[in-house]
Amino acid sequence: MKFGELELSLIRECTFKLDGGAMFGVVPKPLWDRLSPADELNRVLLACNLLLIEGPHGRVLVETGMGERWGHKERDRFEIKTLVSSEQVVKEAGLSNDDVDFVVISHLHFDHAGGATRYEGTALIPTFPKAKYLVQKGEWEFAHKANARAQASYRATDFDPLQEHGVLEIVDGDREIVPGIWVHVTGGHTRYHQIVTFESTGRKGIFFADIIPTRTHLPPPWVMGYDHFPLTSCDAKDKWLTLAVQEKYLVVFDHEPGIPWGYVEQKQDGKFNFLPLENEPLAARSVVAGTL
């Protein structure tokens, strides 16, 4: 999609399922189940949507998805359905993995950093060998000393090889990556969780990452049970959604299994409403993958 001087591409890396109660926290199941129906194991369908931003200052990939390094037991538990090969993640955009200049990882949980590395023979190498991978300093440090509640979400094999291969770039706080593309620390999901905003010729956009993982999570109080700091998530959602309405941001949801991008409006009662872009092939692809 043309976006000012930028070209935006959505890449649906995989679909998977997580427990609905964990995805919606304290929200009662009768409320979320009618919007995001659970299966017989109480799991809801999700996707890993990567955003490729191409512009005059380089190619920036936001998130890496789950990757392919999963055993049969894990694939069954999460019902992981890989949709793109780790060797050709950006092929649909007419590119090779070597063409990516920067990779922004919102946080280092396995469904965001799992695709950062891949096997070449028995060795783990960066999936995007010529890119700089941008990770928040606090997130990097916490991933290596996560407590008992958080440690199951981190796999060192997803990110330690990045440092070993010299492609890791530690970021400390908000920063402009290239002209027109920024990372902002929101906290909430993890203490140093970051989102991405982008702008070109007056048009603005935002990739919410796990602050708002799906369109169903649009109401600020609907935060995940996975969030380390749920009250911070609630405040961050309200702040950035209000700005998205005022500035007419294109919004992108990382785990939405249907149409993952569009615009947000605020109704007279103060509630936020999502207006999806027409992108039926991507939505249909997710539905088919989720029901194989």
C-alpha atoms as a PDB file:
ATOM      1  CA  MET A   1       0.000   0.000   0.000  1.00  0.00           C
ATOM      2  CA  LYS A   2       1.324   3.425  -0.946  1.00  0.00           C
ATOM      3  CA  PHE A   3       1.573   5.677   2.112  1.00  0.00           C
ATOM      4  CA  GLY A   4       3.050   9.021   1.144  1.00  0.00           C
ATOM      5  CA  GLU A   5       6.614   8.224   0.083  1.00  0.00           C
ATOM      6  CA  LEU A   6       6.458   4.909   1.938  1.00  0.00           C
ATOM      7  CA  GLU A   7       5.342   1.506   0.734  1.00  0.00           C
ATOM      8  CA  LEU A   8       3.606  -0.613   3.391  1.00  0.00           C
ATOM      9  CA  SER A   9       3.259  -4.391   3.189  1.00  0.00           C
ATOM     10  CA  LEU A  10       1.591  -6.731   5.664  1.00  0.00           C
ATOM     11  CA  ILE A  11       3.072 -10.197   5.984  1.00  0.00           C
ATOM     12  CA  ARG A  12       1.001 -12.817   7.799  1.00  0.00           C
ATOM     13  CA  GLU A  13       3.776 -14.996   9.163  1.00  0.00           C
ATOM     14  CA  CYS A  14       1.622 -17.555  10.968  1.00  0.00           C
ATOM     15  CA  THR A  15      -1.588 -18.232  12.816  1.00  0.00           C
ATOM     16  CA  PHE A  16      -1.680 -19.720  16.296  1.00  0.00           C
ATOM     17  CA  LYS A  17      -3.938 -20.031  19.316  1.00  0.00           C
ATOM     18  CA  LEU A  18      -3.680 -18.923  22.947  1.00  0.00           C
ATOM     19  CA  ASP A  19      -5.968 -19.319  25.926  1.00  0.00           C
ATOM     20  CA  GLY A  20      -8.855 -16.859  25.681  1.00  0.00           C
ATOM     21  CA  GLY A  21      -8.889 -16.117  29.391  1.00  0.00           C
ATOM     22  CA  ALA A  22      -5.219 -15.160  29.269  1.00  0.00           C
ATOM     23  CA  MET A  23      -5.776 -13.010  26.172  1.00  0.00           C
ATOM     24  CA  PHE A  24      -8.602 -11.033  27.790  1.00  0.00           C
ATOM     25  CA  GLY A  25      -7.608 -10.991  31.453  1.00  0.00           C
ATOM     26  CA  VAL A  26     -10.403  -9.926  33.793  1.00  0.00           C
ATOM     27  CA  VAL A  27     -12.936  -9.385  30.984  1.00  0.00           C
ATOM     28  CA  PRO A  28     -15.753 -11.955  31.473  1.00  0.00           C
ATOM     29  CA  LYS A  29     -15.838 -14.683  28.833  1.00  0.00           C
ATOM     30  CA  PRO A  30     -19.466 -13.974  27.748  1.00  0.00           C
ATOM     31  CA  LEU A  31     -18.245 -10.546  26.567  1.00  0.00           C
ATOM     32  CA  TRP A  32     -15.135 -11.531  24.632  1.00  0.00           C
ATOM     33  CA  ASP A  33     -16.310 -14.934  23.369  1.00  0.00           C
ATOM     34  CA  ARG A  34     -18.984 -13.441  21.114  1.00  0.00           C
ATOM     35  CA  LEU A  35     -16.314 -11.302  19.415  1.00  0.00           C
ATOM     36  CA  SER A  36     -13.445 -13.783  19.448  1.00  0.00           C
ATOM     37  CA  PRO A  37     -14.963 -17.274  19.779  1.00  0.00           C
ATOM     38  CA  ALA A  38     -12.980 -19.858  21.717  1.00  0.00           C
ATOM     39  CA  ASP A  39     -12.440 -23.445  20.595  1.00  0.00           C
ATOM     40  CA  GLU A  40     -13.115 -26.531  22.712  1.00  0.00           C
ATOM     41  CA  LEU A  41      -9.851 -25.935  24.594  1.00  0.00           C
ATOM     42  CA  ASN A  42     -10.791 -22.295  25.319  1.00  0.00           C
ATOM     43  CA  ARG A  43      -8.205 -21.041  22.805  1.00  0.00           C
ATOM     44  CA  VAL A  44      -8.738 -18.080  20.464  1.00  0.00           C
ATOM     45  CA  LEU A  45      -7.345 -17.715  16.948  1.00  0.00           C
ATOM     46  CA  LEU A  46      -4.528 -15.179  16.524  1.00  0.00           C
ATOM     47  CA  ALA A  47      -2.046 -14.233  13.815  1.00  0.00           C
ATOM     48  CA  CYS A  48       1.450 -12.815  13.641  1.00  0.00           C
ATOM     49  CA  ASN A  49       1.237  -9.822  11.321  1.00  0.00           C
ATOM     50  CA  LEU A  50       4.574  -8.278  10.349  1.00  0.00           C
ATOM     51  CA  LEU A  51       4.720  -4.770   8.903  1.00  0.00           C
ATOM     52  CA  LEU A  52       7.291  -3.967   6.224  1.00  0.00           C
ATOM     53  CA  ILE A  53       7.920  -0.250   5.724  1.00  0.00           C
ATOM     54  CA  GLU A  54       9.902   0.647   2.607  1.00  0.00           C
ATOM     55  CA  GLY A  55      11.042   4.199   2.075  1.00  0.00           C
ATOM     56  CA  PRO A  56      13.855   6.402   0.772  1.00  0.00           C
ATOM     57  CA  HIS A  57      15.899   5.748   3.924  1.00  0.00           C
ATOM     58  CA  GLY A  58      15.714   1.968   3.960  1.00  0.00           C
ATOM     59  CA  ARG A  59      13.501  -1.011   4.651  1.00  0.00           C
ATOM     60  CA  VAL A  60      12.209  -1.507   8.188  1.00  0.00           C
ATOM     61  CA  LEU A  61      10.511  -4.741   9.262  1.00  0.00           C
ATOM     62  CA  VAL A  62       8.393  -4.537  12.415  1.00  0.00           C
ATOM     63  CA  GLU A  63       8.334  -7.843  14.354  1.00  0.00           C
ATOM     64  CA  THR A  64       9.510 -11.299  13.257  1.00  0.00           C
ATOM     65  CA  GLY A  65       6.645 -13.587  14.301  1.00  0.00           C
ATOM     66  CA  MET A  66       6.915 -17.110  15.698  1.00  0.00           C
ATOM     67  CA  GLY A  67       9.473 -18.534  13.305  1.00  0.00           C
ATOM     68  CA  GLU A  68       9.728 -22.216  12.427  1.00  0.00           C
ATOM     69  CA  ARG A  69      11.806 -23.578  15.312  1.00  0.00           C
ATOM     70  CA  TRP A  70       8.991 -25.431  17.065  1.00  0.00           C
ATOM     71  CA  GLY A  71       8.586 -29.096  17.901  1.00  0.00           C
ATOM     72  CA  HIS A  72       5.459 -31.174  17.336  1.00  0.00           C
ATOM     73  CA  LYS A  73       4.349 -30.821  20.969  1.00  0.00           C
ATOM     74  CA  GLU A  74       4.536 -27.020  20.884  1.00  0.00           C
ATOM     75  CA  ARG A  75       2.888 -26.791  17.476  1.00  0.00           C
ATOM     76  CA  ASP A  76       0.012 -28.853  18.784  1.00  0.00           C
ATOM     77  CA  ARG A  77      -0.304 -26.863  22.026  1.00  0.00           C
ATOM     78  CA  PHE A  78      -0.477 -23.517  20.225  1.00  0.00           C
ATOM     79  CA  GLU A  79      -1.857 -24.895  16.925  1.00  0.00           C
ATOM     80  CA  ILE A  80       0.888 -23.058  15.070  1.00  0.00           C
ATOM     81  CA  LYS A  81       0.419 -22.897  11.290  1.00  0.00           C
ATOM     82  CA  THR A  82       3.447 -21.396   9.579  1.00  0.00           C
ATOM     83  CA  LEU A  83       2.475 -19.403   6.482  1.00  0.00           C
ATOM     84  CA  VAL A  84       5.862 -18.153   5.227  1.00  0.00           C
ATOM     85  CA  SER A  85       9.272 -19.781   5.196  1.00  0.00           C
ATOM     86  CA  SER A  86      11.948 -18.343   7.487  1.00  0.00           C
ATOM     87  CA  GLU A  87      14.257 -18.262   4.463  1.00  0.00           C
ATOM     88  CA  GLN A  88      11.835 -16.111   2.449  1.00  0.00           C
ATOM     89  CA  VAL A  89       9.853 -14.009   4.910  1.00  0.00           C
ATOM     90  CA  VAL A  90       9.521 -10.955   2.652  1.00  0.00           C
ATOM     91  CA  LYS A  91       9.195 -12.832  -0.636  1.00  0.00           C
ATOM     92  CA  GLU A  92       5.590 -11.675  -1.101  1.00  0.00           C
ATOM     93  CA  ALA A  93       6.898  -8.092  -1.149  1.00  0.00           C
ATOM     94  CA  GLY A  94       9.304  -9.031  -3.947  1.00  0.00           C
ATOM     95  CA  LEU A  95      12.336  -8.995  -1.647  1.00  0.00           C
ATOM     96  CA  SER A  96      14.843 -11.364  -0.086  1.00  0.00           C
ATOM     97  CA  ASN A  97      15.750 -11.450   3.613  1.00  0.00           C
ATOM     98  CA  ASP A  98      19.032  -9.745   2.689  1.00  0.00           C
ATOM     99  CA  ASP A  99      17.102  -6.649   1.571  1.00  0.00           C
ATOM    100  CA  VAL A 100      15.866  -5.739   5.079  1.00  0.00           C
ATOM    101  CA  ASP A 101      17.892  -2.927   6.715  1.00  0.00           C
ATOM    102  CA  PHE A 102      16.286  -2.735  10.173  1.00  0.00           C
ATOM    103  CA  VAL A 103      14.171  -5.090  12.271  1.00  0.00           C
ATOM    104  CA  VAL A 104      12.222  -3.626  15.178  1.00  0.00           C
ATOM    105  CA  ILE A 105      11.127  -6.090  17.858  1.00  0.00           C
ATOM    106  CA  SER A 106       8.518  -4.651  20.219  1.00  0.00           C
ATOM    107  CA  HIS A 107       9.567  -7.047  22.997  1.00  0.00           C
ATOM    108  CA  LEU A 108      11.314 -10.401  23.184  1.00  0.00           C
ATOM    109  CA  HIS A 109       8.423 -12.806  23.793  1.00  0.00           C
ATOM    110  CA  PHE A 110       8.577 -15.875  21.551  1.00  0.00           C
ATOM    111  CA  ASP A 111       5.680 -14.788  19.323  1.00  0.00           C
ATOM    112  CA  HIS A 112       7.524 -11.575  18.435  1.00  0.00           C
ATOM    113  CA  ALA A 113      11.175 -12.639  18.441  1.00  0.00           C
ATOM    114  CA  GLY A 114      10.780 -16.291  17.420  1.00  0.00           C
ATOM    115  CA  GLY A 115      11.397 -15.478  13.782  1.00  0.00           C
ATOM    116  CA  ALA A 116      14.489 -13.361  14.469  1.00  0.00           C
ATOM    117  CA  THR A 117      16.762 -16.379  14.053  1.00  0.00           C
ATOM    118  CA  ARG A 118      16.670 -19.536  11.968  1.00  0.00           C
ATOM    119  CA  TYR A 119      18.688 -22.685  11.531  1.00  0.00           C
ATOM    120  CA  GLU A 120      21.290 -22.990   8.810  1.00  0.00           C
ATOM    121  CA  GLY A 121      22.291 -26.594   9.226  1.00  0.00           C
ATOM    122  CA  THR A 122      22.777 -26.912  12.981  1.00  0.00           C
ATOM    123  CA  ALA A 123      23.801 -23.280  13.506  1.00  0.00           C
ATOM    124  CA  LEU A 124      21.455 -20.494  14.549  1.00  0.00           C
ATOM    125  CA  ILE A 125      21.851 -17.397  12.388  1.00  0.00           C
ATOM    126  CA  PRO A 126      19.950 -14.095  12.058  1.00  0.00           C
ATOM    127  CA  THR A 127      16.987 -14.510   9.707  1.00  0.00           C
ATOM    128  CA  PHE A 128      17.775 -11.066   8.238  1.00  0.00           C
ATOM    129  CA  PRO A 129      21.582 -11.184   8.121  1.00  0.00           C
ATOM    130  CA  LYS A 130      22.229  -7.651   6.862  1.00  0.00           C
ATOM    131  CA  ALA A 131      19.733  -5.902   9.153  1.00  0.00           C
ATOM    132  CA  LYS A 132      20.238  -4.193  12.484  1.00  0.00           C
ATOM    133  CA  TYR A 133      17.816  -5.601  15.077  1.00  0.00           C
ATOM    134  CA  LEU A 134      16.522  -2.911  17.446  1.00  0.00           C
ATOM    135  CA  VAL A 135      15.602  -3.966  20.990  1.00  0.00           C
ATOM    136  CA  GLN A 136      15.020  -1.827  24.062  1.00  0.00           C
ATOM    137  CA  LYS A 137      17.835  -1.944  26.627  1.00  0.00           C
ATOM    138  CA  GLY A 138      15.501  -2.685  29.532  1.00  0.00           C
ATOM    139  CA  GLU A 139      13.729  -5.444  27.603  1.00  0.00           C
ATOM    140  CA  TRP A 140      17.044  -7.086  26.690  1.00  0.00           C
ATOM    141  CA  GLU A 141      18.178  -7.039  30.321  1.00  0.00           C
ATOM    142  CA  PHE A 142      14.867  -8.367  31.666  1.00  0.00           C
ATOM    143  CA  ALA A 143      14.749 -11.176  29.099  1.00  0.00           C
ATOM    144  CA  HIS A 144      17.968 -12.520  30.629  1.00  0.00           C
ATOM    145  CA  LYS A 145      16.751 -12.319  34.222  1.00  0.00           C
ATOM    146  CA  ALA A 146      12.988 -12.808  33.917  1.00  0.00           C
ATOM    147  CA  ASN A 147      11.208 -13.966  37.053  1.00  0.00           C
ATOM    148  CA  ALA A 148       9.220 -17.177  37.396  1.00  0.00           C
ATOM    149  CA  ARG A 149       6.024 -15.640  36.018  1.00  0.00           C
ATOM    150  CA  ALA A 150       7.636 -14.180  32.900  1.00  0.00           C
ATOM    151  CA  GLN A 151      10.466 -16.528  31.962  1.00  0.00           C
ATOM    152  CA  ALA A 152       8.329 -19.001  29.976  1.00  0.00           C
ATOM    153  CA  SER A 153       7.701 -16.293  27.365  1.00  0.00           C
ATOM    154  CA  TYR A 154      11.413 -15.820  26.609  1.00  0.00           C
ATOM    155  CA  ARG A 155      13.669 -18.147  24.618  1.00  0.00           C
ATOM    156  CA  ALA A 156      17.334 -17.129  24.556  1.00  0.00           C
ATOM    157  CA  THR A 157      17.793 -18.872  21.211  1.00  0.00           C
ATOM    158  CA  ASP A 158      15.486 -16.275  19.662  1.00  0.00           C
ATOM    159  CA  PHE A 159      17.742 -13.333  20.475  1.00  0.00           C
ATOM    160  CA  ASP A 160      21.189 -14.246  21.861  1.00  0.00           C
ATOM    161  CA  PRO A 161      22.482 -15.218  18.380  1.00  0.00           C
ATOM    162  CA  LEU A 162      21.754 -11.633  17.279  1.00  0.00           C
ATOM    163  CA  GLN A 163      24.393 -10.364  19.683  1.00  0.00           C
ATOM    164  CA  GLU A 164      26.802 -13.151  18.762  1.00  0.00           C
ATOM    165  CA  HIS A 165      26.533 -12.199  15.066  1.00  0.00           C
ATOM    166  CA  GLY A 166      26.923  -8.482  15.721  1.00  0.00           C
ATOM    167  CA  VAL A 167      23.512  -7.423  14.400  1.00  0.00           C
ATOM    168  CA  LEU A 168      21.897  -6.402  17.700  1.00  0.00           C
ATOM    169  CA  GLU A 169      21.379  -2.682  18.334  1.00  0.00           C
ATOM    170  CA  ILE A 170      20.308  -1.751  21.849  1.00  0.00           C
ATOM    171  CA  VAL A 171      17.975   1.258  22.052  1.00  0.00           C
ATOM    172  CA  ASP A 172      17.421   3.134  25.304  1.00  0.00           C
ATOM    173  CA  GLY A 173      14.075   4.939  25.175  1.00  0.00           C
ATOM    174  CA  ASP A 174      12.202   6.653  22.346  1.00  0.00           C
ATOM    175  CA  ARG A 175      14.160   7.118  19.147  1.00  0.00           C
ATOM    176  CA  GLU A 176      13.853   7.925  15.455  1.00  0.00           C
ATOM    177  CA  ILE A 177      15.139   4.871  13.580  1.00  0.00           C
ATOM    178  CA  VAL A 178      15.267   6.495  10.154  1.00  0.00           C
ATOM    179  CA  PRO A 179      13.635   9.764   9.126  1.00  0.00           C
ATOM    180  CA  GLY A 180       9.889   9.345   9.643  1.00  0.00           C
ATOM    181  CA  ILE A 181       9.961   6.099  11.663  1.00  0.00           C
ATOM    182  CA  TRP A 182      10.097   6.086  15.468  1.00  0.00           C
ATOM    183  CA  VAL A 183       9.989   3.664  18.377  1.00  0.00           C
ATOM    184  CA  HIS A 184       8.217   4.711  21.591  1.00  0.00           C
ATOM    185  CA  VAL A 185       8.375   2.934  24.928  1.00  0.00           C
ATOM    186  CA  THR A 186       4.873   2.336  26.284  1.00  0.00           C
ATOM    187  CA  GLY A 187       5.468  -0.184  29.050  1.00  0.00           C
ATOM    188  CA  GLY A 188       2.395  -2.141  30.051  1.00  0.00           C
ATOM    189  CA  HIS A 189       2.720  -5.512  28.373  1.00  0.00           C
ATOM    190  CA  THR A 190       6.320  -5.587  29.554  1.00  0.00           C
ATOM    191  CA  ARG A 191       8.066  -2.721  31.327  1.00  0.00           C
ATOM    192  CA  TYR A 192      10.006  -1.719  28.198  1.00  0.00           C
ATOM    193  CA  HIS A 193       7.509  -2.732  25.506  1.00  0.00           C
ATOM    194  CA  GLN A 194       7.789  -0.447  22.457  1.00  0.00           C
ATOM    195  CA  ILE A 195       5.502   0.508  19.592  1.00  0.00           C
ATOM    196  CA  VAL A 196       6.319   1.966  16.169  1.00  0.00           C
ATOM    197  CA  THR A 197       4.967   5.112  14.528  1.00  0.00           C
ATOM    198  CA  PHE A 198       5.632   6.195  10.961  1.00  0.00           C
ATOM    199  CA  GLU A 199       4.906   9.339   8.947  1.00  0.00           C
ATOM    200  CA  SER A 200       5.245  10.527   5.366  1.00  0.00           C
ATOM    201  CA  THR A 201       3.924  13.597   3.544  1.00  0.00           C
ATOM    202  CA  GLY A 202       1.424  14.351   6.305  1.00  0.00           C
ATOM    203  CA  ARG A 203       0.104  10.810   6.711  1.00  0.00           C
ATOM    204  CA  LYS A 204       0.694   9.004  10.000  1.00  0.00           C
ATOM    205  CA  GLY A 205       0.505   5.414  11.185  1.00  0.00           C
ATOM    206  CA  ILE A 206       1.050   3.290  14.267  1.00  0.00           C
ATOM    207  CA  PHE A 207       1.889  -0.361  14.934  1.00  0.00           C
ATOM    208  CA  PHE A 208       0.440  -1.100  18.382  1.00  0.00           C
ATOM    209  CA  ALA A 209       2.261  -4.400  19.020  1.00  0.00           C
ATOM    210  CA  ASP A 210       0.922  -5.996  22.218  1.00  0.00           C
ATOM    211  CA  ILE A 211      -0.601  -2.843  23.693  1.00  0.00           C
ATOM    212  CA  ILE A 212      -3.560  -3.533  21.387  1.00  0.00           C
ATOM    213  CA  PRO A 213      -2.978  -6.985  19.865  1.00  0.00           C
ATOM    214  CA  THR A 214      -6.336  -7.348  18.057  1.00  0.00           C
ATOM    215  CA  ARG A 215      -9.309  -5.221  17.101  1.00  0.00           C
ATOM    216  CA  THR A 216     -11.240  -6.930  19.922  1.00  0.00           C
ATOM    217  CA  HIS A 217      -8.813  -5.381  22.433  1.00  0.00           C
ATOM    218  CA  LEU A 218      -9.714  -1.837  21.391  1.00  0.00           C
ATOM    219  CA  PRO A 219     -11.495  -0.822  24.653  1.00  0.00           C
ATOM    220  CA  PRO A 220      -8.761   0.501  26.997  1.00  0.00           C
ATOM    221  CA  PRO A 221      -9.866  -1.695  29.959  1.00  0.00           C
ATOM    222  CA  TRP A 222      -9.655  -4.860  27.824  1.00  0.00           C
ATOM    223  CA  VAL A 223      -6.031  -5.700  28.593  1.00  0.00           C
ATOM    224  CA  MET A 224      -4.407  -9.108  28.511  1.00  0.00           C
ATOM    225  CA  GLY A 225      -3.772 -11.347  31.471  1.00  0.00           C
ATOM    226  CA  TYR A 226      -0.271 -11.646  30.011  1.00  0.00           C
ATOM    227  CA  ASP A 227       0.420  -7.955  30.676  1.00  0.00           C
ATOM    228  CA  HIS A 228       3.002  -7.344  33.393  1.00  0.00           C
ATOM    229  CA  PHE A 229       1.561  -3.903  34.164  1.00  0.00           C
ATOM    230  CA  PRO A 230      -2.125  -3.916  33.131  1.00  0.00           C
ATOM    231  CA  LEU A 231      -2.968  -0.453  34.474  1.00  0.00           C
ATOM    232  CA  THR A 232      -0.096   1.017  32.462  1.00  0.00           C
ATOM    233  CA  SER A 233      -1.435  -0.800  29.383  1.00  0.00           C
ATOM    234  CA  CYS A 234      -4.867   0.717  29.941  1.00  0.00           C
ATOM    235  CA  ASP A 235      -3.456   4.252  30.160  1.00  0.00           C
ATOM    236  CA  ALA A 236      -1.173   3.743  27.148  1.00  0.00           C
ATOM    237  CA  LYS A 237      -4.077   2.489  25.053  1.00  0.00           C
ATOM    238  CA  ASP A 238      -6.202   5.500  25.917  1.00  0.00           C
ATOM    239  CA  LYS A 239      -3.334   7.894  25.129  1.00  0.00           C
ATOM    240  CA  TRP A 240      -2.409   6.424  21.753  1.00  0.00           C
ATOM    241  CA  LEU A 241      -5.969   5.706  20.615  1.00  0.00           C
ATOM    242  CA  THR A 242      -6.955   9.297  21.332  1.00  0.00           C
ATOM    243  CA  LEU A 243      -3.977  10.478  19.290  1.00  0.00           C
ATOM    244  CA  ALA A 244      -4.817   8.009  16.515  1.00  0.00           C
ATOM    245  CA  VAL A 245      -8.319   9.494  16.248  1.00  0.00           C
ATOM    246  CA  GLN A 246      -7.133  13.107  16.368  1.00  0.00           C
ATOM    247  CA  GLU A 247      -4.307  12.638  13.850  1.00  0.00           C
ATOM    248  CA  LYS A 248      -6.123  10.070  11.664  1.00  0.00           C
ATOM    249  CA  TYR A 249      -3.434   7.418  12.113  1.00  0.00           C
ATOM    250  CA  LEU A 250      -3.465   4.237  10.098  1.00  0.00           C
ATOM    251  CA  VAL A 251      -3.485   1.606  12.867  1.00  0.00           C
ATOM    252  CA  VAL A 252      -2.004  -1.894  12.631  1.00  0.00           C
ATOM    253  CA  PHE A 253      -2.724  -4.789  15.005  1.00  0.00           C
ATOM    254  CA  ASP A 254      -0.033  -7.442  15.352  1.00  0.00           C
ATOM    255  CA  HIS A 255      -2.236 -10.411  16.335  1.00  0.00           C
ATOM    256  CA  GLU A 256      -5.515  -9.650  14.553  1.00  0.00           C
ATOM    257  CA  PRO A 257      -6.568 -12.777  12.587  1.00  0.00           C
ATOM    258  CA  GLY A 258      -8.935 -10.845  10.321  1.00  0.00           C
ATOM    259  CA  ILE A 259      -8.202  -7.520   8.628  1.00  0.00           C
ATOM    260  CA  PRO A 260      -5.364  -6.078  10.760  1.00  0.00           C
ATOM    261  CA  TRP A 261      -5.185  -2.472   9.586  1.00  0.00           C
ATOM    262  CA  GLY A 262      -7.544   0.469   9.259  1.00  0.00           C
ATOM    263  CA  TYR A 263      -8.590   3.571  11.153  1.00  0.00           C
ATOM    264  CA  VAL A 264     -10.128   4.347  14.525  1.00  0.00           C
ATOM    265  CA  GLU A 265     -13.030   6.651  15.314  1.00  0.00           C
ATOM    266  CA  GLN A 266     -14.420   7.735  18.685  1.00  0.00           C
ATOM    267  CA  LYS A 267     -18.160   7.694  19.122  1.00  0.00           C
ATOM    268  CA  GLN A 268     -20.233  10.175  21.118  1.00  0.00           C
ATOM    269  CA  ASP A 269     -20.255   7.840  24.118  1.00  0.00           C
ATOM    270  CA  GLY A 270     -16.441   7.912  24.135  1.00  0.00           C
ATOM    271  CA  LYS A 271     -15.996   4.350  22.876  1.00  0.00           C
ATOM    272  CA  PHE A 272     -13.457   3.628  20.158  1.00  0.00           C
ATOM    273  CA  ASN A 273     -14.514   1.883  16.945  1.00  0.00           C
ATOM    274  CA  PHE A 274     -12.303   0.196  14.347  1.00  0.00           C
ATOM    275  CA  LEU A 275     -12.842   0.835  10.627  1.00  0.00           C
ATOM    276  CA  PRO A 276     -10.904  -1.876   8.745  1.00  0.00           C
ATOM    277  CA  LEU A 277      -9.343  -1.387   5.343  1.00  0.00           C
ATOM    278  CA  GLU A 278     -10.490  -3.659   2.569  1.00  0.00           C
ATOM    279  CA  ASN A 279      -8.008  -6.523   2.561  1.00  0.00           C
ATOM    280  CA  GLU A 280     -10.083  -9.637   2.201  1.00  0.00           C
ATOM    281  CA  PRO A 281      -7.345 -11.923   0.789  1.00  0.00           C
ATOM    282  CA  LEU A 282      -5.288 -11.509   3.973  1.00  0.00           C
ATOM    283  CA  ALA A 283      -8.305 -12.115   6.198  1.00  0.00           C
ATOM    284  CA  ALA A 284      -9.397 -15.146   4.196  1.00  0.00           C
ATOM    285  CA  ARG A 285      -5.912 -16.592   4.314  1.00  0.00           C
ATOM    286  CA  SER A 286      -5.978 -16.445   8.107  1.00  0.00           C
ATOM    287  CA  VAL A 287      -9.380 -18.069   8.394  1.00  0.00           C
ATOM    288  CA  VAL A 288      -8.407 -20.924   6.112  1.00  0.00           C
ATOM    289  CA  ALA A 289      -5.109 -21.443   7.962  1.00  0.00           C
ATOM    290  CA  GLY A 290      -6.893 -21.442  11.267  1.00  0.00           C
ATOM    291  CA  THR A 291      -9.302 -24.178  10.278  1.00  0.00           C
ATOM    292  CA  LEU A 292      -6.987 -26.642   8.541  1.00  0.00           C
END
